[in-house]
Amino acid sequence: MLMAGLSSVAGNMEKLAALQNEFENVKTRLEVERKKALRLENKVNVLTQGYQLVNDFLSCSKL
């Protein structure tokens, strides 16, 4: 009976280690995707900055 308890603890420790490893993998991928999204957002802002300036100018001139 005692041996079954010890083996389940070892199994739980292995599961915990595997889940921690998977968490770190997901966290790393999330950081990579976050950086990609920031680069794309900056690129879109650069490409649309002129349109935004024209829009702001036209919005002010209508008043």
C-alpha atoms as a PDB file:
ATOM      1  CA  MET A   1       0.000   0.000   0.000  1.00  0.00           C
ATOM      2  CA  LEU A   2       2.799   2.390   0.880  1.00  0.00           C
ATOM      3  CA  MET A   3       4.586   1.662  -2.404  1.00  0.00           C
ATOM      4  CA  ALA A   4       1.525   2.657  -4.425  1.00  0.00           C
ATOM      5  CA  GLY A   5       1.433   5.991  -2.614  1.00  0.00           C
ATOM      6  CA  LEU A   6       5.096   6.672  -3.338  1.00  0.00           C
ATOM      7  CA  SER A   7       4.766   5.810  -7.022  1.00  0.00           C
ATOM      8  CA  SER A   8       1.805   8.146  -7.405  1.00  0.00           C
ATOM      9  CA  VAL A   9       3.841  10.931  -5.794  1.00  0.00           C
ATOM     10  CA  ALA A  10       6.647  10.285  -8.261  1.00  0.00           C
ATOM     11  CA  GLY A  11       4.093  10.296 -11.081  1.00  0.00           C
ATOM     12  CA  ASN A  12       2.669  13.582  -9.831  1.00  0.00           C
ATOM     13  CA  MET A  13       6.141  15.097  -9.665  1.00  0.00           C
ATOM     14  CA  GLU A  14       6.791  14.062 -13.266  1.00  0.00           C
ATOM     15  CA  LYS A  15       3.450  15.517 -14.334  1.00  0.00           C
ATOM     16  CA  LEU A  16       4.271  18.752 -12.526  1.00  0.00           C
ATOM     17  CA  ALA A  17       7.684  18.965 -14.202  1.00  0.00           C
ATOM     18  CA  ALA A  18       6.115  18.319 -17.615  1.00  0.00           C
ATOM     19  CA  LEU A  19       3.455  20.970 -17.053  1.00  0.00           C
ATOM     20  CA  GLN A  20       6.064  23.494 -15.901  1.00  0.00           C
ATOM     21  CA  ASN A  21       8.116  22.777 -19.016  1.00  0.00           C
ATOM     22  CA  GLU A  22       5.073  23.176 -21.253  1.00  0.00           C
ATOM     23  CA  PHE A  23       4.195  26.447 -19.487  1.00  0.00           C
ATOM     24  CA  GLU A  24       7.680  27.821 -20.171  1.00  0.00           C
ATOM     25  CA  ASN A  25       7.408  26.773 -23.843  1.00  0.00           C
ATOM     26  CA  VAL A  26       4.062  28.512 -24.239  1.00  0.00           C
ATOM     27  CA  LYS A  27       5.349  31.584 -22.412  1.00  0.00           C
ATOM     28  CA  THR A  28       8.335  31.787 -24.781  1.00  0.00           C
ATOM     29  CA  ARG A  29       6.134  31.424 -27.879  1.00  0.00           C
ATOM     30  CA  LEU A  30       3.785  34.092 -26.528  1.00  0.00           C
ATOM     31  CA  GLU A  31       6.689  36.511 -26.092  1.00  0.00           C
ATOM     32  CA  VAL A  32       7.854  35.862 -29.666  1.00  0.00           C
ATOM     33  CA  GLU A  33       4.339  36.486 -30.991  1.00  0.00           C
ATOM     34  CA  ARG A  34       4.038  39.649 -28.878  1.00  0.00           C
ATOM     35  CA  LYS A  35       7.222  41.035 -30.420  1.00  0.00           C
ATOM     36  CA  LYS A  36       5.971  40.201 -33.925  1.00  0.00           C
ATOM     37  CA  ALA A  37       2.685  41.969 -33.210  1.00  0.00           C
ATOM     38  CA  LEU A  38       4.503  45.073 -31.959  1.00  0.00           C
ATOM     39  CA  ARG A  39       6.673  45.190 -35.087  1.00  0.00           C
ATOM     40  CA  LEU A  40       3.595  44.872 -37.315  1.00  0.00           C
ATOM     41  CA  GLU A  41       1.743  47.526 -35.338  1.00  0.00           C
ATOM     42  CA  ASN A  42       4.675  49.922 -35.724  1.00  0.00           C
ATOM     43  CA  LYS A  43       4.844  49.192 -39.449  1.00  0.00           C
ATOM     44  CA  VAL A  44       1.125  49.890 -39.874  1.00  0.00           C
ATOM     45  CA  ASN A  45       1.479  53.128 -37.928  1.00  0.00           C
ATOM     46  CA  VAL A  46       4.323  54.256 -40.200  1.00  0.00           C
ATOM     47  CA  LEU A  47       2.397  53.333 -43.350  1.00  0.00           C
ATOM     48  CA  THR A  48      -0.817  55.080 -42.261  1.00  0.00           C
ATOM     49  CA  GLN A  49       0.678  58.122 -40.548  1.00  0.00           C
ATOM     50  CA  GLY A  50       0.116  60.356 -43.607  1.00  0.00           C
ATOM     51  CA  TYR A  51      -3.517  59.315 -43.846  1.00  0.00           C
ATOM     52  CA  GLN A  52      -3.958  60.062 -40.153  1.00  0.00           C
ATOM     53  CA  LEU A  53      -2.443  63.541 -40.583  1.00  0.00           C
ATOM     54  CA  VAL A  54      -4.769  64.305 -43.514  1.00  0.00           C
ATOM     55  CA  ASN A  55      -7.730  63.057 -41.531  1.00  0.00           C
ATOM     56  CA  ASP A  56      -6.802  65.207 -38.547  1.00  0.00           C
ATOM     57  CA  PHE A  57      -6.330  68.253 -40.810  1.00  0.00           C
ATOM     58  CA  LEU A  58      -9.671  67.732 -42.543  1.00  0.00           C
ATOM     59  CA  SER A  59     -11.437  67.146 -39.241  1.00  0.00           C
ATOM     60  CA  CYS A  60     -10.102  70.440 -37.870  1.00  0.00           C
ATOM     61  CA  SER A  61     -10.940  72.415 -41.023  1.00  0.00           C
ATOM     62  CA  LYS A  62     -14.620  71.318 -40.919  1.00  0.00           C
ATOM     63  CA  LEU A  63     -15.138  73.050 -37.580  1.00  0.00           C
END
